Amino acid sequence: LSDRRPLSGFVRNAQGAPVVGVEVQLKNSPTGFEQTLKTDQRGYFVWGHSPLGTEVTVTVKPLNAAPVTQGLVPRRLDDTGAKRGVCDPSLNRIEVSLP
């Protein structure tokens, strides 16, 4: 099993519409790894470098508003007691709503 999981998510506005081309900064402090991505046409982003069990900070930087920051600890489904080796991709999905 890998010790990393992809982290993905959607950025939406207050009305629920996707926010296209907004910067999403992902940072894993324990490893020092960080990367800045942009959302696609669906407001979607995916980052494949999130180590399991350490917090990743996700900061969305809209053009005309204050940044929005959330934290997530990537994990496997087996971390919640399920059969070892079974992964649920929804565990590492984040939804960001901009004001």
PDB file of N, CA and C in Angstrom:
ATOM      1  N   LEU A   1       0.829  -1.190   0.000  1.00  0.00           N
ATOM      2  CA  LEU A   1       0.000   0.000   0.000  1.00  0.00           C
ATOM      3  C   LEU A   1       0.868   1.247   0.000  1.00  0.00           C
ATOM      4  N   SER A   2       0.394   2.246  -0.678  1.00  0.00           N
ATOM      5  CA  SER A   2       1.092   3.516  -0.712  1.00  0.00           C
ATOM      6  C   SER A   2       0.824   4.292   0.572  1.00  0.00           C
ATOM      7  N   ASP A   3       1.761   5.158   0.942  1.00  0.00           N
ATOM      8  CA  ASP A   3       1.519   6.004   2.108  1.00  0.00           C
ATOM      9  C   ASP A   3       1.035   7.378   1.683  1.00  0.00           C
ATOM     10  N   ARG A   4       0.577   7.499   0.457  1.00  0.00           N
ATOM     11  CA  ARG A   4       0.063   8.765  -0.061  1.00  0.00           C
ATOM     12  C   ARG A   4      -1.304   8.547  -0.695  1.00  0.00           C
ATOM     13  N   ARG A   5      -2.111   9.590  -0.664  1.00  0.00           N
ATOM     14  CA  ARG A   5      -3.443   9.543  -1.288  1.00  0.00           C
ATOM     15  C   ARG A   5      -3.668  10.842  -2.025  1.00  0.00           C
ATOM     16  N   PRO A   6      -4.378  10.782  -3.141  1.00  0.00           N
ATOM     17  CA  PRO A   6      -4.732  12.044  -3.788  1.00  0.00           C
ATOM     18  C   PRO A   6      -5.735  12.821  -2.939  1.00  0.00           C
ATOM     19  N   LEU A   7      -5.615  14.110  -2.989  1.00  0.00           N
ATOM     20  CA  LEU A   7      -6.563  14.988  -2.326  1.00  0.00           C
ATOM     21  C   LEU A   7      -7.216  15.793  -3.444  1.00  0.00           C
ATOM     22  N   SER A   8      -8.523  15.850  -3.454  1.00  0.00           N
ATOM     23  CA  SER A   8      -9.222  16.569  -4.514  1.00  0.00           C
ATOM     24  C   SER A   8     -10.363  17.364  -3.924  1.00  0.00           C
ATOM     25  N   GLY A   9     -10.918  18.239  -4.746  1.00  0.00           N
ATOM     26  CA  GLY A   9     -12.040  19.010  -4.251  1.00  0.00           C
ATOM     27  C   GLY A   9     -12.630  19.922  -5.291  1.00  0.00           C
ATOM     28  N   PHE A  10     -13.666  20.615  -4.863  1.00  0.00           N
ATOM     29  CA  PHE A  10     -14.375  21.566  -5.710  1.00  0.00           C
ATOM     30  C   PHE A  10     -14.412  22.910  -5.011  1.00  0.00           C
ATOM     31  N   VAL A  11     -14.298  23.970  -5.791  1.00  0.00           N
ATOM     32  CA  VAL A  11     -14.461  25.322  -5.283  1.00  0.00           C
ATOM     33  C   VAL A  11     -15.711  25.880  -5.955  1.00  0.00           C
ATOM     34  N   ARG A  12     -16.638  26.352  -5.130  1.00  0.00           N
ATOM     35  CA  ARG A  12     -17.906  26.880  -5.635  1.00  0.00           C
ATOM     36  C   ARG A  12     -18.173  28.255  -5.019  1.00  0.00           C
ATOM     37  N   ASN A  13     -18.994  29.035  -5.707  1.00  0.00           N
ATOM     38  CA  ASN A  13     -19.374  30.332  -5.154  1.00  0.00           C
ATOM     39  C   ASN A  13     -20.582  30.156  -4.238  1.00  0.00           C
ATOM     40  N   ALA A  14     -21.085  31.247  -3.689  1.00  0.00           N
ATOM     41  CA  ALA A  14     -22.195  31.179  -2.733  1.00  0.00           C
ATOM     42  C   ALA A  14     -23.464  30.598  -3.339  1.00  0.00           C
ATOM     43  N   GLN A  15     -23.609  30.692  -4.660  1.00  0.00           N
ATOM     44  CA  GLN A  15     -24.783  30.143  -5.344  1.00  0.00           C
ATOM     45  C   GLN A  15     -24.587  28.678  -5.754  1.00  0.00           C
ATOM     46  N   GLY A  16     -23.403  28.119  -5.489  1.00  0.00           N
ATOM     47  CA  GLY A  16     -23.136  26.727  -5.813  1.00  0.00           C
ATOM     48  C   GLY A  16     -22.536  26.496  -7.187  1.00  0.00           C
ATOM     49  N   ALA A  17     -22.262  27.575  -7.926  1.00  0.00           N
ATOM     50  CA  ALA A  17     -21.659  27.441  -9.257  1.00  0.00           C
ATOM     51  C   ALA A  17     -20.152  27.242  -9.118  1.00  0.00           C
ATOM     52  N   PRO A  18     -19.533  26.483 -10.036  1.00  0.00           N
ATOM     53  CA  PRO A  18     -18.084  26.269  -9.963  1.00  0.00           C
ATOM     54  C   PRO A  18     -17.312  27.572 -10.174  1.00  0.00           C
ATOM     55  N   VAL A  19     -16.204  27.702  -9.469  1.00  0.00           N
ATOM     56  CA  VAL A  19     -15.312  28.844  -9.644  1.00  0.00           C
ATOM     57  C   VAL A  19     -14.127  28.351 -10.481  1.00  0.00           C
ATOM     58  N   VAL A  20     -14.017  28.873 -11.679  1.00  0.00           N
ATOM     59  CA  VAL A  20     -13.028  28.422 -12.660  1.00  0.00           C
ATOM     60  C   VAL A  20     -11.747  29.240 -12.547  1.00  0.00           C
ATOM     61  N   GLY A  21     -10.597  28.564 -12.597  1.00  0.00           N
ATOM     62  CA  GLY A  21      -9.304  29.232 -12.670  1.00  0.00           C
ATOM     63  C   GLY A  21      -8.829  29.905 -11.406  1.00  0.00           C
ATOM     64  N   VAL A  22      -9.428  29.584 -10.274  1.00  0.00           N
ATOM     65  CA  VAL A  22      -8.990  30.172  -9.006  1.00  0.00           C
ATOM     66  C   VAL A  22      -7.790  29.380  -8.482  1.00  0.00           C
ATOM     67  N   GLU A  23      -6.855  30.080  -7.815  1.00  0.00           N
ATOM     68  CA  GLU A  23      -5.676  29.418  -7.255  1.00  0.00           C
ATOM     69  C   GLU A  23      -6.026  28.642  -5.990  1.00  0.00           C
ATOM     70  N   VAL A  24      -5.502  27.431  -5.915  1.00  0.00           N
ATOM     71  CA  VAL A  24      -5.649  26.585  -4.736  1.00  0.00           C
ATOM     72  C   VAL A  24      -4.237  26.205  -4.303  1.00  0.00           C
ATOM     73  N   GLN A  25      -3.845  26.644  -3.105  1.00  0.00           N
ATOM     74  CA  GLN A  25      -2.522  26.323  -2.581  1.00  0.00           C
ATOM     75  C   GLN A  25      -2.662  25.183  -1.585  1.00  0.00           C
ATOM     76  N   LEU A  26      -1.858  24.140  -1.776  1.00  0.00           N
ATOM     77  CA  LEU A  26      -1.869  22.996  -0.870  1.00  0.00           C
ATOM     78  C   LEU A  26      -0.504  22.914  -0.210  1.00  0.00           C
ATOM     79  N   LYS A  27      -0.520  22.744   1.115  1.00  0.00           N
ATOM     80  CA  LYS A  27       0.731  22.728   1.865  1.00  0.00           C
ATOM     81  C   LYS A  27       0.684  21.634   2.909  1.00  0.00           C
ATOM     82  N   ASN A  28       1.754  20.842   2.962  1.00  0.00           N
ATOM     83  CA  ASN A  28       1.916  19.824   3.982  1.00  0.00           C
ATOM     84  C   ASN A  28       3.100  20.245   4.834  1.00  0.00           C
ATOM     85  N   SER A  29       2.823  20.829   6.007  1.00  0.00           N
ATOM     86  CA  SER A  29       3.893  21.385   6.845  1.00  0.00           C
ATOM     87  C   SER A  29       4.930  20.365   7.299  1.00  0.00           C
ATOM     88  N   PRO A  30       4.530  19.152   7.755  1.00  0.00           N
ATOM     89  CA  PRO A  30       5.552  18.211   8.214  1.00  0.00           C
ATOM     90  C   PRO A  30       6.586  17.851   7.141  1.00  0.00           C
ATOM     91  N   THR A  31       6.153  17.774   5.880  1.00  0.00           N
ATOM     92  CA  THR A  31       7.094  17.408   4.814  1.00  0.00           C
ATOM     93  C   THR A  31       7.678  18.633   4.126  1.00  0.00           C
ATOM     94  N   GLY A  32       7.046  19.805   4.315  1.00  0.00           N
ATOM     95  CA  GLY A  32       7.509  21.014   3.651  1.00  0.00           C
ATOM     96  C   GLY A  32       7.075  21.109   2.197  1.00  0.00           C
ATOM     97  N   PHE A  33       6.289  20.149   1.743  1.00  0.00           N
ATOM     98  CA  PHE A  33       5.867  20.154   0.348  1.00  0.00           C
ATOM     99  C   PHE A  33       4.667  21.074   0.172  1.00  0.00           C
ATOM    100  N   GLU A  34       4.719  21.901  -0.876  1.00  0.00           N
ATOM    101  CA  GLU A  34       3.561  22.719  -1.212  1.00  0.00           C
ATOM    102  C   GLU A  34       3.476  22.875  -2.714  1.00  0.00           C
ATOM    103  N   GLN A  35       2.261  23.145  -3.173  1.00  0.00           N
ATOM    104  CA  GLN A  35       2.019  23.306  -4.596  1.00  0.00           C
ATOM    105  C   GLN A  35       0.805  24.204  -4.788  1.00  0.00           C
ATOM    106  N   THR A  36       0.821  25.000  -5.847  1.00  0.00           N
ATOM    107  CA  THR A  36      -0.323  25.831  -6.189  1.00  0.00           C
ATOM    108  C   THR A  36      -0.904  25.333  -7.502  1.00  0.00           C
ATOM    109  N   LEU A  37      -2.199  25.095  -7.489  1.00  0.00           N
ATOM    110  CA  LEU A  37      -2.933  24.612  -8.656  1.00  0.00           C
ATOM    111  C   LEU A  37      -4.005  25.629  -9.015  1.00  0.00           C
ATOM    112  N   LYS A  38      -4.654  25.419 -10.160  1.00  0.00           N
ATOM    113  CA  LYS A  38      -5.829  26.214 -10.526  1.00  0.00           C
ATOM    114  C   LYS A  38      -6.975  25.256 -10.777  1.00  0.00           C
ATOM    115  N   THR A  39      -8.183  25.711 -10.436  1.00  0.00           N
ATOM    116  CA  THR A  39      -9.366  24.883 -10.669  1.00  0.00           C
ATOM    117  C   THR A  39      -9.673  24.816 -12.160  1.00  0.00           C
ATOM    118  N   ASP A  40     -10.307  23.716 -12.575  1.00  0.00           N
ATOM    119  CA  ASP A  40     -10.678  23.547 -13.977  1.00  0.00           C
ATOM    120  C   ASP A  40     -12.077  24.098 -14.232  1.00  0.00           C
ATOM    121  N   GLN A  41     -12.664  23.747 -15.360  1.00  0.00           N
ATOM    122  CA  GLN A  41     -13.982  24.259 -15.753  1.00  0.00           C
ATOM    123  C   GLN A  41     -15.104  23.851 -14.805  1.00  0.00           C
ATOM    124  N   ARG A  42     -14.858  22.783 -14.034  1.00  0.00           N
ATOM    125  CA  ARG A  42     -15.862  22.323 -13.059  1.00  0.00           C
ATOM    126  C   ARG A  42     -15.595  22.869 -11.665  1.00  0.00           C
ATOM    127  N   GLY A  43     -14.551  23.722 -11.539  1.00  0.00           N
ATOM    128  CA  GLY A  43     -14.157  24.202 -10.217  1.00  0.00           C
ATOM    129  C   GLY A  43     -13.391  23.138  -9.450  1.00  0.00           C
ATOM    130  N   TYR A  44     -12.862  22.140 -10.153  1.00  0.00           N
ATOM    131  CA  TYR A  44     -12.241  20.956  -9.559  1.00  0.00           C
ATOM    132  C   TYR A  44     -10.724  21.088  -9.537  1.00  0.00           C
ATOM    133  N   PHE A  45     -10.108  20.519  -8.501  1.00  0.00           N
ATOM    134  CA  PHE A  45      -8.651  20.407  -8.432  1.00  0.00           C
ATOM    135  C   PHE A  45      -8.304  19.036  -7.869  1.00  0.00           C
ATOM    136  N   VAL A  46      -7.107  18.549  -8.202  1.00  0.00           N
ATOM    137  CA  VAL A  46      -6.636  17.284  -7.642  1.00  0.00           C
ATOM    138  C   VAL A  46      -5.134  17.387  -7.415  1.00  0.00           C
ATOM    139  N   TRP A  47      -4.715  16.893  -6.260  1.00  0.00           N
ATOM    140  CA  TRP A  47      -3.314  16.925  -5.858  1.00  0.00           C
ATOM    141  C   TRP A  47      -2.943  15.523  -5.403  1.00  0.00           C
ATOM    142  N   GLY A  48      -1.958  14.915  -6.010  1.00  0.00           N
ATOM    143  CA  GLY A  48      -1.637  13.527  -5.716  1.00  0.00           C
ATOM    144  C   GLY A  48      -0.505  13.306  -4.749  1.00  0.00           C
ATOM    145  N   HIS A  49      -0.153  14.304  -3.940  1.00  0.00           N
ATOM    146  CA  HIS A  49       1.030  14.196  -3.088  1.00  0.00           C
ATOM    147  C   HIS A  49       0.735  14.312  -1.609  1.00  0.00           C
ATOM    148  N   SER A  50      -0.440  13.930  -1.165  1.00  0.00           N
ATOM    149  CA  SER A  50      -0.772  14.145   0.242  1.00  0.00           C
ATOM    150  C   SER A  50      -0.461  12.911   1.083  1.00  0.00           C
ATOM    151  N   PRO A  51       0.546  13.005   1.955  1.00  0.00           N
ATOM    152  CA  PRO A  51       0.878  11.867   2.813  1.00  0.00           C
ATOM    153  C   PRO A  51      -0.258  11.568   3.790  1.00  0.00           C
ATOM    154  N   LEU A  52      -0.485  10.291   4.029  1.00  0.00           N
ATOM    155  CA  LEU A  52      -1.520   9.883   4.973  1.00  0.00           C
ATOM    156  C   LEU A  52      -1.145  10.298   6.387  1.00  0.00           C
ATOM    157  N   GLY A  53      -2.144  10.732   7.135  1.00  0.00           N
ATOM    158  CA  GLY A  53      -1.962  10.960   8.567  1.00  0.00           C
ATOM    159  C   GLY A  53      -1.319  12.270   8.953  1.00  0.00           C
ATOM    160  N   THR A  54      -0.969  13.138   8.001  1.00  0.00           N
ATOM    161  CA  THR A  54      -0.428  14.448   8.354  1.00  0.00           C
ATOM    162  C   THR A  54      -1.322  15.513   7.726  1.00  0.00           C
ATOM    163  N   GLU A  55      -1.530  16.603   8.441  1.00  0.00           N
ATOM    164  CA  GLU A  55      -2.488  17.609   7.980  1.00  0.00           C
ATOM    165  C   GLU A  55      -1.988  18.363   6.757  1.00  0.00           C
ATOM    166  N   VAL A  56      -2.897  18.538   5.829  1.00  0.00           N
ATOM    167  CA  VAL A  56      -2.659  19.342   4.638  1.00  0.00           C
ATOM    168  C   VAL A  56      -3.531  20.591   4.759  1.00  0.00           C
ATOM    169  N   THR A  57      -2.951  21.751   4.524  1.00  0.00           N
ATOM    170  CA  THR A  57      -3.694  22.996   4.535  1.00  0.00           C
ATOM    171  C   THR A  57      -4.033  23.375   3.100  1.00  0.00           C
ATOM    172  N   VAL A  58      -5.306  23.640   2.855  1.00  0.00           N
ATOM    173  CA  VAL A  58      -5.787  24.019   1.532  1.00  0.00           C
ATOM    174  C   VAL A  58      -6.243  25.472   1.620  1.00  0.00           C
ATOM    175  N   THR A  59      -5.614  26.342   0.820  1.00  0.00           N
ATOM    176  CA  THR A  59      -5.977  27.756   0.809  1.00  0.00           C
ATOM    177  C   THR A  59      -6.433  28.135  -0.595  1.00  0.00           C
ATOM    178  N   VAL A  60      -7.661  28.620  -0.693  1.00  0.00           N
ATOM    179  CA  VAL A  60      -8.212  29.077  -1.961  1.00  0.00           C
ATOM    180  C   VAL A  60      -8.078  30.594  -1.986  1.00  0.00           C
ATOM    181  N   LYS A  61      -7.504  31.111  -3.086  1.00  0.00           N
ATOM    182  CA  LYS A  61      -7.223  32.538  -3.191  1.00  0.00           C
ATOM    183  C   LYS A  61      -8.048  33.169  -4.312  1.00  0.00           C
ATOM    184  N   PRO A  62      -9.276  33.588  -4.011  1.00  0.00           N
ATOM    185  CA  PRO A  62     -10.084  34.246  -5.039  1.00  0.00           C
ATOM    186  C   PRO A  62      -9.504  35.615  -5.402  1.00  0.00           C
ATOM    187  N   LEU A  63      -9.825  36.085  -6.602  1.00  0.00           N
ATOM    188  CA  LEU A  63      -9.271  37.355  -7.078  1.00  0.00           C
ATOM    189  C   LEU A  63      -9.709  38.552  -6.249  1.00  0.00           C
ATOM    190  N   ASN A  64     -10.989  38.634  -5.911  1.00  0.00           N
ATOM    191  CA  ASN A  64     -11.513  39.835  -5.257  1.00  0.00           C
ATOM    192  C   ASN A  64     -12.076  39.573  -3.867  1.00  0.00           C
ATOM    193  N   ALA A  65     -11.504  38.635  -3.160  1.00  0.00           N
ATOM    194  CA  ALA A  65     -11.999  38.329  -1.813  1.00  0.00           C
ATOM    195  C   ALA A  65     -10.842  37.785  -0.971  1.00  0.00           C
ATOM    196  N   ALA A  66     -11.095  37.672   0.317  1.00  0.00           N
ATOM    197  CA  ALA A  66     -10.085  37.138   1.230  1.00  0.00           C
ATOM    198  C   ALA A  66      -9.891  35.644   0.985  1.00  0.00           C
ATOM    199  N   PRO A  67      -8.669  35.135   1.197  1.00  0.00           N
ATOM    200  CA  PRO A  67      -8.420  33.696   1.057  1.00  0.00           C
ATOM    201  C   PRO A  67      -9.253  32.888   2.051  1.00  0.00           C
ATOM    202  N   VAL A  68      -9.590  31.671   1.659  1.00  0.00           N
ATOM    203  CA  VAL A  68     -10.330  30.736   2.502  1.00  0.00           C
ATOM    204  C   VAL A  68      -9.406  29.541   2.748  1.00  0.00           C
ATOM    205  N   THR A  69      -9.207  29.177   4.025  1.00  0.00           N
ATOM    206  CA  THR A  69      -8.292  28.086   4.367  1.00  0.00           C
ATOM    207  C   THR A  69      -9.037  26.993   5.121  1.00  0.00           C
ATOM    208  N   GLN A  70      -8.738  25.736   4.740  1.00  0.00           N
ATOM    209  CA  GLN A  70      -9.292  24.571   5.431  1.00  0.00           C
ATOM    210  C   GLN A  70      -8.170  23.551   5.614  1.00  0.00           C
ATOM    211  N   GLY A  71      -8.314  22.700   6.609  1.00  0.00           N
ATOM    212  CA  GLY A  71      -7.352  21.635   6.845  1.00  0.00           C
ATOM    213  C   GLY A  71      -7.986  20.272   6.634  1.00  0.00           C
ATOM    214  N   LEU A  72      -7.169  19.320   6.261  1.00  0.00           N
ATOM    215  CA  LEU A  72      -7.635  17.955   6.038  1.00  0.00           C
ATOM    216  C   LEU A  72      -6.491  17.011   6.352  1.00  0.00           C
ATOM    217  N   VAL A  73      -6.795  15.885   6.993  1.00  0.00           N
ATOM    218  CA  VAL A  73      -5.797  14.854   7.230  1.00  0.00           C
ATOM    219  C   VAL A  73      -6.129  13.686   6.302  1.00  0.00           C
ATOM    220  N   PRO A  74      -5.365  13.517   5.212  1.00  0.00           N
ATOM    221  CA  PRO A  74      -5.635  12.414   4.290  1.00  0.00           C
ATOM    222  C   PRO A  74      -5.532  11.067   4.994  1.00  0.00           C
ATOM    223  N   ARG A  75      -6.446  10.170   4.672  1.00  0.00           N
ATOM    224  CA  ARG A  75      -6.457   8.851   5.303  1.00  0.00           C
ATOM    225  C   ARG A  75      -7.079   7.822   4.378  1.00  0.00           C
ATOM    226  N   ARG A  76      -6.861   6.563   4.700  1.00  0.00           N
ATOM    227  CA  ARG A  76      -7.462   5.430   3.987  1.00  0.00           C
ATOM    228  C   ARG A  76      -8.734   5.029   4.692  1.00  0.00           C
ATOM    229  N   LEU A  77      -9.586   4.331   3.981  1.00  0.00           N
ATOM    230  CA  LEU A  77     -10.797   3.808   4.585  1.00  0.00           C
ATOM    231  C   LEU A  77     -10.459   2.877   5.745  1.00  0.00           C
ATOM    232  N   ASP A  78      -9.341   2.151   5.634  1.00  0.00           N
ATOM    233  CA  ASP A  78      -8.987   1.224   6.714  1.00  0.00           C
ATOM    234  C   ASP A  78      -8.619   1.953   8.002  1.00  0.00           C
ATOM    235  N   ASP A  79      -8.352   3.250   7.938  1.00  0.00           N
ATOM    236  CA  ASP A  79      -8.081   4.014   9.156  1.00  0.00           C
ATOM    237  C   ASP A  79      -9.326   4.120  10.032  1.00  0.00           C
ATOM    238  N   THR A  80     -10.506   3.854   9.463  1.00  0.00           N
ATOM    239  CA  THR A  80     -11.739   3.923  10.238  1.00  0.00           C
ATOM    240  C   THR A  80     -12.216   2.534  10.639  1.00  0.00           C
ATOM    241  N   GLY A  81     -11.382   1.520  10.447  1.00  0.00           N
ATOM    242  CA  GLY A  81     -11.725   0.189  10.909  1.00  0.00           C
ATOM    243  C   GLY A  81     -12.166  -0.778   9.843  1.00  0.00           C
ATOM    244  N   ALA A  82     -12.216  -0.365   8.583  1.00  0.00           N
ATOM    245  CA  ALA A  82     -12.617  -1.275   7.508  1.00  0.00           C
ATOM    246  C   ALA A  82     -11.460  -2.222   7.158  1.00  0.00           C
ATOM    247  N   LYS A  83     -11.723  -3.141   6.293  1.00  0.00           N
ATOM    248  CA  LYS A  83     -10.715  -4.120   5.882  1.00  0.00           C
ATOM    249  C   LYS A  83      -9.474  -3.408   5.334  1.00  0.00           C
ATOM    250  N   ARG A  84      -8.309  -3.781   5.815  1.00  0.00           N
ATOM    251  CA  ARG A  84      -7.059  -3.128   5.411  1.00  0.00           C
ATOM    252  C   ARG A  84      -6.870  -3.189   3.896  1.00  0.00           C
ATOM    253  N   GLY A  85      -6.440  -2.051   3.344  1.00  0.00           N
ATOM    254  CA  GLY A  85      -6.145  -1.998   1.925  1.00  0.00           C
ATOM    255  C   GLY A  85      -7.286  -1.476   1.070  1.00  0.00           C
ATOM    256  N   VAL A  86      -8.452  -1.322   1.655  1.00  0.00           N
ATOM    257  CA  VAL A  86      -9.583  -0.798   0.896  1.00  0.00           C
ATOM    258  C   VAL A  86      -9.573   0.721   1.031  1.00  0.00           C
ATOM    259  N   CYS A  87      -9.572   1.412  -0.094  1.00  0.00           N
ATOM    260  CA  CYS A  87      -9.516   2.874  -0.065  1.00  0.00           C
ATOM    261  C   CYS A  87     -10.807   3.469  -0.605  1.00  0.00           C
ATOM    262  N   ASP A  88     -11.244   4.523  -0.005  1.00  0.00           N
ATOM    263  CA  ASP A  88     -12.440   5.238  -0.429  1.00  0.00           C
ATOM    264  C   ASP A  88     -12.017   6.628  -0.883  1.00  0.00           C
ATOM    265  N   PRO A  89     -12.104   6.932  -2.192  1.00  0.00           N
ATOM    266  CA  PRO A  89     -11.628   8.225  -2.670  1.00  0.00           C
ATOM    267  C   PRO A  89     -12.384   9.418  -2.092  1.00  0.00           C
ATOM    268  N   SER A  90     -13.598   9.218  -1.599  1.00  0.00           N
ATOM    269  CA  SER A  90     -14.357  10.335  -1.043  1.00  0.00           C
ATOM    270  C   SER A  90     -13.785  10.815   0.291  1.00  0.00           C
ATOM    271  N   LEU A  91     -12.918  10.023   0.925  1.00  0.00           N
ATOM    272  CA  LEU A  91     -12.351  10.434   2.215  1.00  0.00           C
ATOM    273  C   LEU A  91     -11.506  11.686   2.103  1.00  0.00           C
ATOM    274  N   ASN A  92     -10.848  11.875   0.978  1.00  0.00           N
ATOM    275  CA  ASN A  92      -9.896  12.961   0.821  1.00  0.00           C
ATOM    276  C   ASN A  92     -10.410  14.018  -0.155  1.00  0.00           C
ATOM    277  N   ARG A  93     -11.697  14.246  -0.111  1.00  0.00           N
ATOM    278  CA  ARG A  93     -12.312  15.262  -0.968  1.00  0.00           C
ATOM    279  C   ARG A  93     -12.751  16.420  -0.106  1.00  0.00           C
ATOM    280  N   ILE A  94     -12.487  17.604  -0.593  1.00  0.00           N
ATOM    281  CA  ILE A  94     -12.812  18.811   0.164  1.00  0.00           C
ATOM    282  C   ILE A  94     -13.701  19.706  -0.693  1.00  0.00           C
ATOM    283  N   GLU A  95     -14.669  20.340  -0.070  1.00  0.00           N
ATOM    284  CA  GLU A  95     -15.564  21.283  -0.749  1.00  0.00           C
ATOM    285  C   GLU A  95     -15.303  22.663  -0.153  1.00  0.00           C
ATOM    286  N   VAL A  96     -15.012  23.633  -1.006  1.00  0.00           N
ATOM    287  CA  VAL A  96     -14.757  24.993  -0.549  1.00  0.00           C
ATOM    288  C   VAL A  96     -15.818  25.905  -1.135  1.00  0.00           C
ATOM    289  N   SER A  97     -16.540  26.611  -0.293  1.00  0.00           N
ATOM    290  CA  SER A  97     -17.545  27.573  -0.737  1.00  0.00           C
ATOM    291  C   SER A  97     -17.034  28.978  -0.479  1.00  0.00           C
ATOM    292  N   LEU A  98     -16.984  29.761  -1.539  1.00  0.00           N
ATOM    293  CA  LEU A  98     -16.530  31.144  -1.408  1.00  0.00           C
ATOM    294  C   LEU A  98     -17.725  32.052  -1.144  1.00  0.00           C
ATOM    295  N   PRO A  99     -17.515  33.103  -0.360  1.00  0.00           N
ATOM    296  CA  PRO A  99     -18.619  34.023  -0.064  1.00  0.00           C
ATOM    297  C   PRO A  99     -19.059  34.798  -1.312  1.00  0.00           C
TER     298      PRO A  99
END
